[in-house]
Amino acid sequence: MTTRAPAVEARQLIKTYPGDVTALSGMDVTVEQGTVFGLLGPNGAGKSTTVKILTTLARPDSGTAAVAGHDVLRHPDLVRRAIGVVAQSSGADPVATGRENLQLQARLHGLRGSSLNARVDELLERFDLADAAGRQVKGYSGGMRRRLDVALGLVHRPEVLFLDEPTTGLDPEARTAMWDEIARLAGDEGLTILLTTHHLEEADRLAERIAIVDRGRVVVEGTPDALKGELRGDAVHMELRETVGEAGRTLLRGALGSLPGVHEVLFDGRRVSVRADDGAAAMPALLGALERAGVAVATATVARPSLDDVYLRYAGRRYSEVEAESVDGLVLAGGVR
């Protein structure tokens, strides 16, 4: 039996920027052919830098990478012919029409005559842009622009499609429509899709496999269901009224962890997250243990495992708080994506 080579394979990618800013610190990525693979992480985790290297727009300081069987450093031209790229920022000409943008992209990829026109018409219909084909792109809604961006990336029927934060800036309705289209692409076209996102729900819904990225490296990889399934039982989240010092945390870990059915105790600021076989049944005992320790609880909730819980387990930090911090850092200092 012949084993197909991965569509994307990167090993130990390292990339730094001026000022000793480390974007990648040993990034490993393997994407099998015909799958949707998600790189999930907050802004600043290194997802976009990884995509830039895989699409030949940047060079790593060290490490290796191949896309569609071609080394990105030795054969960048072959890589570019085999891929489609939808960047975070739209690449469409705003003063040209949707049709003109697609026609130009088709010409750049060598299409001519009836083949060019047929492909443009096909994509306009597929992405529900036929009625707006003669309008300037600057008059398109955000969702229409994003659909056009994806159509531009598909003109030459690539083997691998890179979608870098494809729903950034879209309203909930447009985001859901884009998710539906990406799912159809994967199913109908059999494309290999590498998706970068900082939306937990997006990764959970679209990706067959995900790699959670933190500080320029992959901390865990697997299917969303398998990763969540590793977290036994329920997640019990409690927010304390005051932050507890390290000595207090050690005592609380012992007190809470010794309760029946409790498997894991994690602290993140004032939040305590516990894995329990039956979260609702464990809640009274957990609150009682905290009360006996003299620790006041502000709120407490029980939920099924989520990718946020997976991120907390493997990165040691809660995703939502890291995301907020990274956005602040990007605003203040430009940040690395």
C-alpha atoms as a PDB file:
ATOM      1  CA  MET A   1       0.000   0.000   0.000  1.00  0.00           C
ATOM      2  CA  THR A   2       1.418   3.392  -1.048  1.00  0.00           C
ATOM      3  CA  THR A   3       1.375   6.118   1.587  1.00  0.00           C
ATOM      4  CA  ARG A   4       0.623   9.552   0.242  1.00  0.00           C
ATOM      5  CA  ALA A   5       3.020  12.320   1.201  1.00  0.00           C
ATOM      6  CA  PRO A   6       1.532  15.054   3.403  1.00  0.00           C
ATOM      7  CA  ALA A   7       0.199  18.115   1.613  1.00  0.00           C
ATOM      8  CA  VAL A   8       2.042  20.321   4.110  1.00  0.00           C
ATOM      9  CA  GLU A   9       4.970  19.352   6.283  1.00  0.00           C
ATOM     10  CA  ALA A  10       7.076  21.700   8.398  1.00  0.00           C
ATOM     11  CA  ARG A  11       9.712  20.761  10.921  1.00  0.00           C
ATOM     12  CA  GLN A  12      11.296  22.870  13.638  1.00  0.00           C
ATOM     13  CA  LEU A  13      10.632  26.248  12.057  1.00  0.00           C
ATOM     14  CA  ILE A  14      12.321  29.089  13.896  1.00  0.00           C
ATOM     15  CA  LYS A  15      11.770  32.735  13.031  1.00  0.00           C
ATOM     16  CA  THR A  16      12.809  35.874  14.850  1.00  0.00           C
ATOM     17  CA  TYR A  17      12.244  39.517  14.013  1.00  0.00           C
ATOM     18  CA  PRO A  18      14.378  42.586  14.826  1.00  0.00           C
ATOM     19  CA  GLY A  19      14.456  43.368  18.508  1.00  0.00           C
ATOM     20  CA  ASP A  20      14.761  39.678  19.449  1.00  0.00           C
ATOM     21  CA  VAL A  21      11.040  39.120  18.892  1.00  0.00           C
ATOM     22  CA  THR A  22      10.548  35.367  18.576  1.00  0.00           C
ATOM     23  CA  ALA A  23       7.685  34.507  16.241  1.00  0.00           C
ATOM     24  CA  LEU A  24       8.341  30.760  15.895  1.00  0.00           C
ATOM     25  CA  SER A  25      10.298  28.636  18.334  1.00  0.00           C
ATOM     26  CA  GLY A  26      10.257  25.174  16.775  1.00  0.00           C
ATOM     27  CA  MET A  27       6.981  24.976  14.849  1.00  0.00           C
ATOM     28  CA  ASP A  28       5.976  21.517  13.576  1.00  0.00           C
ATOM     29  CA  VAL A  29       2.983  21.126  11.230  1.00  0.00           C
ATOM     30  CA  THR A  30       1.802  18.119   9.204  1.00  0.00           C
ATOM     31  CA  VAL A  31      -1.344  18.349   7.073  1.00  0.00           C
ATOM     32  CA  GLU A  32      -2.579  15.257   5.251  1.00  0.00           C
ATOM     33  CA  GLN A  33      -3.979  15.562   1.737  1.00  0.00           C
ATOM     34  CA  GLY A  34      -7.674  16.305   1.388  1.00  0.00           C
ATOM     35  CA  THR A  35      -8.190  17.464   4.970  1.00  0.00           C
ATOM     36  CA  VAL A  36      -9.105  20.715   6.712  1.00  0.00           C
ATOM     37  CA  PHE A  37      -6.406  21.487   9.255  1.00  0.00           C
ATOM     38  CA  GLY A  38      -6.711  24.331  11.738  1.00  0.00           C
ATOM     39  CA  LEU A  39      -3.917  26.305  13.369  1.00  0.00           C
ATOM     40  CA  LEU A  40      -5.647  27.674  16.457  1.00  0.00           C
ATOM     41  CA  GLY A  41      -4.143  30.296  18.702  1.00  0.00           C
ATOM     42  CA  PRO A  42      -4.468  33.880  19.891  1.00  0.00           C
ATOM     43  CA  ASN A  43      -3.100  36.833  17.979  1.00  0.00           C
ATOM     44  CA  GLY A  44       0.664  36.818  18.370  1.00  0.00           C
ATOM     45  CA  ALA A  45       0.973  33.027  18.629  1.00  0.00           C
ATOM     46  CA  GLY A  46       2.836  32.714  15.303  1.00  0.00           C
ATOM     47  CA  LYS A  47       0.098  31.425  13.009  1.00  0.00           C
ATOM     48  CA  SER A  48       0.446  34.067  10.298  1.00  0.00           C
ATOM     49  CA  THR A  49       4.240  33.831  10.356  1.00  0.00           C
ATOM     50  CA  THR A  50       3.908  30.093   9.753  1.00  0.00           C
ATOM     51  CA  VAL A  51       1.629  30.742   6.774  1.00  0.00           C
ATOM     52  CA  LYS A  52       4.032  33.323   5.346  1.00  0.00           C
ATOM     53  CA  ILE A  53       6.835  30.752   5.401  1.00  0.00           C
ATOM     54  CA  LEU A  54       4.680  27.980   3.920  1.00  0.00           C
ATOM     55  CA  THR A  55       3.504  30.294   1.125  1.00  0.00           C
ATOM     56  CA  THR A  56       7.081  31.476   0.356  1.00  0.00           C
ATOM     57  CA  LEU A  57       6.466  35.051   1.566  1.00  0.00           C
ATOM     58  CA  ALA A  58       9.044  34.739   4.348  1.00  0.00           C
ATOM     59  CA  ARG A  59      12.119  32.634   5.064  1.00  0.00           C
ATOM     60  CA  PRO A  60      12.661  30.808   8.339  1.00  0.00           C
ATOM     61  CA  ASP A  61      15.869  31.294  10.283  1.00  0.00           C
ATOM     62  CA  SER A  62      16.079  27.499  10.451  1.00  0.00           C
ATOM     63  CA  GLY A  63      13.939  24.436   9.902  1.00  0.00           C
ATOM     64  CA  THR A  64      12.405  22.835   6.822  1.00  0.00           C
ATOM     65  CA  ALA A  65       9.041  23.005   5.086  1.00  0.00           C
ATOM     66  CA  ALA A  66       7.412  21.428   2.026  1.00  0.00           C
ATOM     67  CA  VAL A  67       4.043  22.127   0.422  1.00  0.00           C
ATOM     68  CA  ALA A  68       2.489  19.846  -2.228  1.00  0.00           C
ATOM     69  CA  GLY A  69       5.765  17.927  -2.229  1.00  0.00           C
ATOM     70  CA  HIS A  70       7.930  20.981  -2.997  1.00  0.00           C
ATOM     71  CA  ASP A  71      10.521  22.467  -0.674  1.00  0.00           C
ATOM     72  CA  VAL A  72       9.531  26.062   0.062  1.00  0.00           C
ATOM     73  CA  LEU A  73      13.140  27.297  -0.019  1.00  0.00           C
ATOM     74  CA  ARG A  74      14.523  25.310  -2.941  1.00  0.00           C
ATOM     75  CA  HIS A  75      11.459  25.361  -5.216  1.00  0.00           C
ATOM     76  CA  PRO A  76       9.322  28.386  -4.289  1.00  0.00           C
ATOM     77  CA  ASP A  77       7.948  28.752  -7.839  1.00  0.00           C
ATOM     78  CA  LEU A  78       6.539  25.222  -7.780  1.00  0.00           C
ATOM     79  CA  VAL A  79       4.971  25.882  -4.373  1.00  0.00           C
ATOM     80  CA  ARG A  80       3.291  29.074  -5.648  1.00  0.00           C
ATOM     81  CA  ARG A  81       1.758  27.230  -8.593  1.00  0.00           C
ATOM     82  CA  ALA A  82       0.295  24.596  -6.284  1.00  0.00           C
ATOM     83  CA  ILE A  83      -1.294  26.854  -3.672  1.00  0.00           C
ATOM     84  CA  GLY A  84      -4.068  29.365  -3.262  1.00  0.00           C
ATOM     85  CA  VAL A  85      -3.796  32.019  -0.555  1.00  0.00           C
ATOM     86  CA  VAL A  86      -6.510  34.065   1.120  1.00  0.00           C
ATOM     87  CA  ALA A  87      -4.739  36.549   3.373  1.00  0.00           C
ATOM     88  CA  GLN A  88      -6.236  38.453   6.293  1.00  0.00           C
ATOM     89  CA  SER A  89      -6.375  41.637   4.232  1.00  0.00           C
ATOM     90  CA  SER A  90      -8.285  41.571   0.975  1.00  0.00           C
ATOM     91  CA  GLY A  91      -6.149  41.396  -2.156  1.00  0.00           C
ATOM     92  CA  ALA A  92      -8.907  42.560  -4.486  1.00  0.00           C
ATOM     93  CA  ASP A  93      -8.617  45.853  -6.377  1.00  0.00           C
ATOM     94  CA  PRO A  94     -11.394  48.002  -4.862  1.00  0.00           C
ATOM     95  CA  VAL A  95     -11.914  50.145  -7.978  1.00  0.00           C
ATOM     96  CA  ALA A  96     -12.173  47.144 -10.318  1.00  0.00           C
ATOM     97  CA  THR A  97     -15.315  45.053 -10.583  1.00  0.00           C
ATOM     98  CA  GLY A  98     -15.602  41.559  -9.158  1.00  0.00           C
ATOM     99  CA  ARG A  99     -15.431  40.096 -12.643  1.00  0.00           C
ATOM    100  CA  GLU A 100     -12.367  42.182 -13.551  1.00  0.00           C
ATOM    101  CA  ASN A 101     -10.558  41.018 -10.427  1.00  0.00           C
ATOM    102  CA  LEU A 102     -11.220  37.391 -11.278  1.00  0.00           C
ATOM    103  CA  GLN A 103     -10.261  37.874 -14.913  1.00  0.00           C
ATOM    104  CA  LEU A 104      -6.929  39.430 -13.942  1.00  0.00           C
ATOM    105  CA  GLN A 105      -6.188  36.624 -11.504  1.00  0.00           C
ATOM    106  CA  ALA A 106      -7.045  34.050 -14.166  1.00  0.00           C
ATOM    107  CA  ARG A 107      -4.702  35.696 -16.697  1.00  0.00           C
ATOM    108  CA  LEU A 108      -1.887  35.722 -14.133  1.00  0.00           C
ATOM    109  CA  HIS A 109      -2.320  31.961 -13.854  1.00  0.00           C
ATOM    110  CA  GLY A 110      -2.230  31.430 -17.600  1.00  0.00           C
ATOM    111  CA  LEU A 111      -5.933  31.060 -18.425  1.00  0.00           C
ATOM    112  CA  ARG A 112      -7.093  32.497 -21.724  1.00  0.00           C
ATOM    113  CA  GLY A 113     -10.161  32.722 -23.934  1.00  0.00           C
ATOM    114  CA  SER A 114     -13.190  30.553 -23.278  1.00  0.00           C
ATOM    115  CA  SER A 115     -11.455  28.660 -20.436  1.00  0.00           C
ATOM    116  CA  LEU A 116     -10.884  31.946 -18.610  1.00  0.00           C
ATOM    117  CA  ASN A 117     -14.458  33.145 -19.052  1.00  0.00           C
ATOM    118  CA  ALA A 118     -15.920  29.790 -18.059  1.00  0.00           C
ATOM    119  CA  ARG A 119     -13.861  29.663 -14.857  1.00  0.00           C
ATOM    120  CA  VAL A 120     -14.761  33.245 -13.915  1.00  0.00           C
ATOM    121  CA  ASP A 121     -18.470  32.603 -14.489  1.00  0.00           C
ATOM    122  CA  GLU A 122     -18.274  29.388 -12.491  1.00  0.00           C
ATOM    123  CA  LEU A 123     -16.718  31.138  -9.487  1.00  0.00           C
ATOM    124  CA  LEU A 124     -19.100  34.096  -9.618  1.00  0.00           C
ATOM    125  CA  GLU A 125     -22.032  31.697  -9.486  1.00  0.00           C
ATOM    126  CA  ARG A 126     -20.519  29.499  -6.827  1.00  0.00           C
ATOM    127  CA  PHE A 127     -19.853  32.374  -4.461  1.00  0.00           C
ATOM    128  CA  ASP A 128     -23.164  34.113  -5.133  1.00  0.00           C
ATOM    129  CA  LEU A 129     -21.484  37.120  -6.768  1.00  0.00           C
ATOM    130  CA  ALA A 130     -22.947  36.911 -10.272  1.00  0.00           C
ATOM    131  CA  ASP A 131     -25.445  39.728  -9.694  1.00  0.00           C
ATOM    132  CA  ALA A 132     -22.670  41.963  -8.346  1.00  0.00           C
ATOM    133  CA  ALA A 133     -20.041  40.962 -10.936  1.00  0.00           C
ATOM    134  CA  GLY A 134     -20.196  44.324 -12.727  1.00  0.00           C
ATOM    135  CA  ARG A 135     -19.965  46.452  -9.579  1.00  0.00           C
ATOM    136  CA  GLN A 136     -16.790  47.938  -8.157  1.00  0.00           C
ATOM    137  CA  VAL A 137     -15.495  45.935  -5.219  1.00  0.00           C
ATOM    138  CA  LYS A 138     -15.369  49.027  -3.007  1.00  0.00           C
ATOM    139  CA  GLY A 139     -19.158  48.852  -2.927  1.00  0.00           C
ATOM    140  CA  TYR A 140     -19.234  45.226  -1.721  1.00  0.00           C
ATOM    141  CA  SER A 141     -20.203  44.269   1.818  1.00  0.00           C
ATOM    142  CA  GLY A 142     -17.603  42.631   4.050  1.00  0.00           C
ATOM    143  CA  GLY A 143     -19.037  39.198   3.401  1.00  0.00           C
ATOM    144  CA  MET A 144     -19.056  39.727  -0.372  1.00  0.00           C
ATOM    145  CA  ARG A 145     -15.439  40.878  -0.346  1.00  0.00           C
ATOM    146  CA  ARG A 146     -14.414  37.819   1.639  1.00  0.00           C
ATOM    147  CA  ARG A 147     -16.222  35.497  -0.777  1.00  0.00           C
ATOM    148  CA  LEU A 148     -14.446  37.220  -3.648  1.00  0.00           C
ATOM    149  CA  ASP A 149     -11.104  36.751  -1.875  1.00  0.00           C
ATOM    150  CA  VAL A 150     -11.731  33.014  -1.605  1.00  0.00           C
ATOM    151  CA  ALA A 151     -12.803  32.869  -5.272  1.00  0.00           C
ATOM    152  CA  LEU A 152      -9.556  34.617  -6.266  1.00  0.00           C
ATOM    153  CA  GLY A 153      -7.582  32.007  -4.354  1.00  0.00           C
ATOM    154  CA  LEU A 154      -9.335  29.198  -6.231  1.00  0.00           C
ATOM    155  CA  VAL A 155      -9.082  30.468  -9.820  1.00  0.00           C
ATOM    156  CA  HIS A 156      -6.267  28.102 -10.802  1.00  0.00           C
ATOM    157  CA  ARG A 157      -7.647  25.065  -8.917  1.00  0.00           C
ATOM    158  CA  PRO A 158      -4.853  24.819  -6.324  1.00  0.00           C
ATOM    159  CA  GLU A 159      -3.888  21.652  -4.487  1.00  0.00           C
ATOM    160  CA  VAL A 160      -3.623  23.445  -1.139  1.00  0.00           C
ATOM    161  CA  LEU A 161      -5.646  26.462  -0.023  1.00  0.00           C
ATOM    162  CA  PHE A 162      -4.376  28.667   2.810  1.00  0.00           C
ATOM    163  CA  LEU A 163      -7.064  30.616   4.647  1.00  0.00           C
ATOM    164  CA  ASP A 164      -5.483  33.081   7.070  1.00  0.00           C
ATOM    165  CA  GLU A 165      -8.154  34.284   9.521  1.00  0.00           C
ATOM    166  CA  PRO A 166     -10.853  34.082   6.808  1.00  0.00           C
ATOM    167  CA  THR A 167     -13.682  35.543   8.910  1.00  0.00           C
ATOM    168  CA  THR A 168     -11.867  38.434  10.593  1.00  0.00           C
ATOM    169  CA  GLY A 169     -14.065  41.523  10.626  1.00  0.00           C
ATOM    170  CA  LEU A 170     -17.219  39.732   9.495  1.00  0.00           C
ATOM    171  CA  ASP A 171     -20.517  40.024  11.326  1.00  0.00           C
ATOM    172  CA  PRO A 172     -21.993  36.787  12.772  1.00  0.00           C
ATOM    173  CA  GLU A 173     -24.276  36.171   9.788  1.00  0.00           C
ATOM    174  CA  ALA A 174     -21.479  36.624   7.242  1.00  0.00           C
ATOM    175  CA  ARG A 175     -19.140  34.511   9.360  1.00  0.00           C
ATOM    176  CA  THR A 176     -21.619  31.630   9.437  1.00  0.00           C
ATOM    177  CA  ALA A 177     -22.087  31.873   5.653  1.00  0.00           C
ATOM    178  CA  MET A 178     -18.313  31.731   5.168  1.00  0.00           C
ATOM    179  CA  TRP A 179     -18.076  28.667   7.419  1.00  0.00           C
ATOM    180  CA  ASP A 180     -20.698  26.944   5.280  1.00  0.00           C
ATOM    181  CA  GLU A 181     -18.767  27.756   2.111  1.00  0.00           C
ATOM    182  CA  ILE A 182     -15.468  26.488   3.522  1.00  0.00           C
ATOM    183  CA  ALA A 183     -17.160  23.235   4.552  1.00  0.00           C
ATOM    184  CA  ARG A 184     -18.558  22.851   1.015  1.00  0.00           C
ATOM    185  CA  LEU A 185     -15.134  23.487  -0.501  1.00  0.00           C
ATOM    186  CA  ALA A 186     -13.595  20.731   1.562  1.00  0.00           C
ATOM    187  CA  GLY A 187     -16.397  18.304   0.763  1.00  0.00           C
ATOM    188  CA  ASP A 188     -17.023  19.044  -2.911  1.00  0.00           C
ATOM    189  CA  GLU A 189     -13.544  19.899  -4.154  1.00  0.00           C
ATOM    190  CA  GLY A 190     -11.493  17.557  -1.975  1.00  0.00           C
ATOM    191  CA  LEU A 191      -9.121  20.428  -1.313  1.00  0.00           C
ATOM    192  CA  THR A 192      -6.472  20.443   1.352  1.00  0.00           C
ATOM    193  CA  ILE A 193      -7.199  23.509   3.466  1.00  0.00           C
ATOM    194  CA  LEU A 194      -4.919  24.994   6.107  1.00  0.00           C
ATOM    195  CA  LEU A 195      -6.963  27.398   8.186  1.00  0.00           C
ATOM    196  CA  THR A 196      -5.562  29.793  10.755  1.00  0.00           C
ATOM    197  CA  THR A 197      -7.989  31.204  13.265  1.00  0.00           C
ATOM    198  CA  HIS A 198      -8.270  32.643  16.729  1.00  0.00           C
ATOM    199  CA  HIS A 199     -11.964  31.719  16.937  1.00  0.00           C
ATOM    200  CA  LEU A 200     -12.457  28.593  19.058  1.00  0.00           C
ATOM    201  CA  GLU A 201     -15.859  27.905  17.530  1.00  0.00           C
ATOM    202  CA  GLU A 202     -14.474  28.248  14.001  1.00  0.00           C
ATOM    203  CA  ALA A 203     -11.751  25.658  14.605  1.00  0.00           C
ATOM    204  CA  ASP A 204     -14.177  23.312  16.349  1.00  0.00           C
ATOM    205  CA  ARG A 205     -16.701  23.502  13.524  1.00  0.00           C
ATOM    206  CA  LEU A 206     -14.480  23.414  10.435  1.00  0.00           C
ATOM    207  CA  ALA A 207     -11.236  21.571  11.158  1.00  0.00           C
ATOM    208  CA  GLU A 208     -10.856  17.814  11.039  1.00  0.00           C
ATOM    209  CA  ARG A 209      -7.626  18.217  12.983  1.00  0.00           C
ATOM    210  CA  ILE A 210      -6.278  21.183  14.876  1.00  0.00           C
ATOM    211  CA  ALA A 211      -2.941  22.230  16.279  1.00  0.00           C
ATOM    212  CA  ILE A 212      -3.088  24.609  19.217  1.00  0.00           C
ATOM    213  CA  VAL A 213      -0.306  27.168  18.887  1.00  0.00           C
ATOM    214  CA  ASP A 214       1.167  29.077  21.811  1.00  0.00           C
ATOM    215  CA  ARG A 215       4.304  31.210  21.835  1.00  0.00           C
ATOM    216  CA  GLY A 216       5.431  30.089  18.400  1.00  0.00           C
ATOM    217  CA  ARG A 217       5.066  26.327  18.811  1.00  0.00           C
ATOM    218  CA  VAL A 218       2.434  23.616  18.746  1.00  0.00           C
ATOM    219  CA  VAL A 219       1.477  22.548  22.274  1.00  0.00           C
ATOM    220  CA  VAL A 220      -1.012  19.829  21.279  1.00  0.00           C
ATOM    221  CA  GLU A 221      -2.563  18.400  18.112  1.00  0.00           C
ATOM    222  CA  GLY A 222      -5.516  16.165  17.351  1.00  0.00           C
ATOM    223  CA  THR A 223      -9.153  16.130  16.329  1.00  0.00           C
ATOM    224  CA  PRO A 224     -11.334  18.609  18.246  1.00  0.00           C
ATOM    225  CA  ASP A 225     -13.442  15.778  19.666  1.00  0.00           C
ATOM    226  CA  ALA A 226     -10.423  13.739  20.741  1.00  0.00           C
ATOM    227  CA  LEU A 227      -8.771  16.705  22.436  1.00  0.00           C
ATOM    228  CA  LYS A 228     -11.949  17.545  24.322  1.00  0.00           C
ATOM    229  CA  GLY A 229     -12.490  13.864  25.076  1.00  0.00           C
ATOM    230  CA  GLU A 230      -9.147  13.677  26.881  1.00  0.00           C
ATOM    231  CA  LEU A 231     -10.645  15.965  29.500  1.00  0.00           C
ATOM    232  CA  ARG A 232     -12.702  13.502  31.525  1.00  0.00           C
ATOM    233  CA  GLY A 233     -16.098  14.506  32.823  1.00  0.00           C
ATOM    234  CA  ASP A 234     -17.186  18.118  33.270  1.00  0.00           C
ATOM    235  CA  ALA A 235     -15.367  21.387  33.652  1.00  0.00           C
ATOM    236  CA  VAL A 236     -16.156  23.301  36.846  1.00  0.00           C
ATOM    237  CA  HIS A 237     -15.046  26.931  36.681  1.00  0.00           C
ATOM    238  CA  MET A 238     -14.962  29.045  39.840  1.00  0.00           C
ATOM    239  CA  GLU A 239     -13.936  32.673  40.086  1.00  0.00           C
ATOM    240  CA  LEU A 240     -12.532  33.680  43.469  1.00  0.00           C
ATOM    241  CA  ARG A 241     -13.166  37.051  45.024  1.00  0.00           C
ATOM    242  CA  GLU A 242      -9.447  37.536  45.608  1.00  0.00           C
ATOM    243  CA  THR A 243      -6.253  36.183  44.078  1.00  0.00           C
ATOM    244  CA  VAL A 244      -4.593  33.410  46.058  1.00  0.00           C
ATOM    245  CA  GLY A 245      -0.811  33.286  46.448  1.00  0.00           C
ATOM    246  CA  GLU A 246       1.310  30.325  45.379  1.00  0.00           C
ATOM    247  CA  ALA A 247       1.382  28.804  48.865  1.00  0.00           C
ATOM    248  CA  GLY A 248      -2.397  29.043  49.059  1.00  0.00           C
ATOM    249  CA  ARG A 249      -2.745  27.515  45.599  1.00  0.00           C
ATOM    250  CA  THR A 250      -0.662  24.525  46.649  1.00  0.00           C
ATOM    251  CA  LEU A 251      -2.916  23.934  49.644  1.00  0.00           C
ATOM    252  CA  LEU A 252      -6.069  24.330  47.552  1.00  0.00           C
ATOM    253  CA  ARG A 253      -4.780  21.937  44.882  1.00  0.00           C
ATOM    254  CA  GLY A 254      -4.384  19.308  47.554  1.00  0.00           C
ATOM    255  CA  ALA A 255      -7.755  20.001  49.179  1.00  0.00           C
ATOM    256  CA  LEU A 256      -9.740  20.087  45.947  1.00  0.00           C
ATOM    257  CA  GLY A 257      -7.802  17.314  44.222  1.00  0.00           C
ATOM    258  CA  SER A 258      -8.472  14.894  47.078  1.00  0.00           C
ATOM    259  CA  LEU A 259     -12.239  15.125  46.648  1.00  0.00           C
ATOM    260  CA  PRO A 260     -13.966  12.080  45.092  1.00  0.00           C
ATOM    261  CA  GLY A 261     -14.337  12.300  41.318  1.00  0.00           C
ATOM    262  CA  VAL A 262     -11.992  15.311  40.942  1.00  0.00           C
ATOM    263  CA  HIS A 263      -9.055  14.764  38.575  1.00  0.00           C
ATOM    264  CA  GLU A 264      -7.402  18.063  37.817  1.00  0.00           C
ATOM    265  CA  VAL A 265      -7.104  21.508  39.405  1.00  0.00           C
ATOM    266  CA  LEU A 266      -5.781  24.472  37.425  1.00  0.00           C
ATOM    267  CA  PHE A 267      -5.367  28.097  38.467  1.00  0.00           C
ATOM    268  CA  ASP A 268      -5.451  31.085  36.133  1.00  0.00           C
ATOM    269  CA  GLY A 269      -5.446  34.377  38.012  1.00  0.00           C
ATOM    270  CA  ARG A 270      -8.522  34.395  40.233  1.00  0.00           C
ATOM    271  CA  ARG A 271     -10.087  31.513  38.312  1.00  0.00           C
ATOM    272  CA  VAL A 272      -9.953  27.905  39.435  1.00  0.00           C
ATOM    273  CA  SER A 273     -10.836  25.214  36.890  1.00  0.00           C
ATOM    274  CA  VAL A 274     -11.501  21.655  38.011  1.00  0.00           C
ATOM    275  CA  ARG A 275     -12.141  18.422  36.076  1.00  0.00           C
ATOM    276  CA  ALA A 276     -14.818  16.311  37.719  1.00  0.00           C
ATOM    277  CA  ASP A 277     -16.656  13.096  36.742  1.00  0.00           C
ATOM    278  CA  ASP A 278     -19.967  14.779  37.559  1.00  0.00           C
ATOM    279  CA  GLY A 279     -19.594  18.539  37.822  1.00  0.00           C
ATOM    280  CA  ALA A 280     -23.030  19.214  39.309  1.00  0.00           C
ATOM    281  CA  ALA A 281     -22.573  16.556  41.986  1.00  0.00           C
ATOM    282  CA  ALA A 282     -19.064  17.757  42.820  1.00  0.00           C
ATOM    283  CA  MET A 283     -19.993  21.431  43.097  1.00  0.00           C
ATOM    284  CA  PRO A 284     -21.187  21.419  46.759  1.00  0.00           C
ATOM    285  CA  ALA A 285     -18.044  19.600  47.906  1.00  0.00           C
ATOM    286  CA  LEU A 286     -15.799  21.974  45.941  1.00  0.00           C
ATOM    287  CA  LEU A 287     -17.484  25.062  47.362  1.00  0.00           C
ATOM    288  CA  GLY A 288     -17.374  23.566  50.838  1.00  0.00           C
ATOM    289  CA  ALA A 289     -13.647  22.875  50.586  1.00  0.00           C
ATOM    290  CA  LEU A 290     -12.990  26.444  49.478  1.00  0.00           C
ATOM    291  CA  GLU A 291     -15.157  27.819  52.285  1.00  0.00           C
ATOM    292  CA  ARG A 292     -13.275  25.765  54.911  1.00  0.00           C
ATOM    293  CA  ALA A 293     -10.038  27.153  53.485  1.00  0.00           C
ATOM    294  CA  GLY A 294     -11.365  30.677  53.970  1.00  0.00           C
ATOM    295  CA  VAL A 295     -11.578  31.396  50.236  1.00  0.00           C
ATOM    296  CA  ALA A 296     -14.645  33.258  48.970  1.00  0.00           C
ATOM    297  CA  VAL A 297     -16.139  32.320  45.586  1.00  0.00           C
ATOM    298  CA  ALA A 298     -17.744  34.978  43.360  1.00  0.00           C
ATOM    299  CA  THR A 299     -19.179  32.719  40.630  1.00  0.00           C
ATOM    300  CA  ALA A 300     -19.232  29.017  39.757  1.00  0.00           C
ATOM    301  CA  THR A 301     -20.319  27.237  36.563  1.00  0.00           C
ATOM    302  CA  VAL A 302     -20.380  23.703  35.176  1.00  0.00           C
ATOM    303  CA  ALA A 303     -19.832  22.955  31.471  1.00  0.00           C
ATOM    304  CA  ARG A 304     -18.858  20.196  29.096  1.00  0.00           C
ATOM    305  CA  PRO A 305     -15.206  20.293  27.957  1.00  0.00           C
ATOM    306  CA  SER A 306     -14.402  22.932  25.327  1.00  0.00           C
ATOM    307  CA  LEU A 307     -11.357  23.911  23.305  1.00  0.00           C
ATOM    308  CA  ASP A 308     -10.876  26.710  25.835  1.00  0.00           C
ATOM    309  CA  ASP A 309     -10.387  24.005  28.476  1.00  0.00           C
ATOM    310  CA  VAL A 310      -7.966  22.171  26.165  1.00  0.00           C
ATOM    311  CA  TYR A 311      -5.957  25.353  25.691  1.00  0.00           C
ATOM    312  CA  LEU A 312      -5.866  25.961  29.454  1.00  0.00           C
ATOM    313  CA  ARG A 313      -4.639  22.430  30.084  1.00  0.00           C
ATOM    314  CA  TYR A 314      -1.807  22.481  27.565  1.00  0.00           C
ATOM    315  CA  ALA A 315      -0.803  26.153  27.491  1.00  0.00           C
ATOM    316  CA  GLY A 316      -1.421  26.794  31.176  1.00  0.00           C
ATOM    317  CA  ARG A 317      -3.448  29.923  30.447  1.00  0.00           C
ATOM    318  CA  ARG A 318      -7.063  30.645  29.650  1.00  0.00           C
ATOM    319  CA  TYR A 319      -7.544  31.372  25.951  1.00  0.00           C
ATOM    320  CA  SER A 320      -9.886  34.342  26.320  1.00  0.00           C
ATOM    321  CA  GLU A 321      -7.503  36.187  28.621  1.00  0.00           C
ATOM    322  CA  VAL A 322      -4.463  35.511  26.423  1.00  0.00           C
ATOM    323  CA  GLU A 323      -6.443  36.755  23.413  1.00  0.00           C
ATOM    324  CA  ALA A 324      -7.307  39.993  25.200  1.00  0.00           C
ATOM    325  CA  GLU A 325      -3.696  40.506  26.252  1.00  0.00           C
ATOM    326  CA  SER A 326      -2.384  39.807  22.739  1.00  0.00           C
ATOM    327  CA  VAL A 327      -4.816  42.281  21.172  1.00  0.00           C
ATOM    328  CA  ASP A 328      -3.618  44.951  23.601  1.00  0.00           C
ATOM    329  CA  GLY A 329      -0.015  44.094  22.736  1.00  0.00           C
ATOM    330  CA  LEU A 330      -0.676  44.306  18.999  1.00  0.00           C
ATOM    331  CA  VAL A 331      -2.294  47.702  19.406  1.00  0.00           C
ATOM    332  CA  LEU A 332       0.543  49.056  21.527  1.00  0.00           C
ATOM    333  CA  ALA A 333       3.546  47.470  19.857  1.00  0.00           C
ATOM    334  CA  GLY A 334       2.602  46.100  16.469  1.00  0.00           C
ATOM    335  CA  GLY A 335       3.023  42.513  17.699  1.00  0.00           C
ATOM    336  CA  VAL A 336       3.849  39.340  15.780  1.00  0.00           C
ATOM    337  CA  ARG A 337       1.031  37.345  14.239  1.00  0.00           C
END
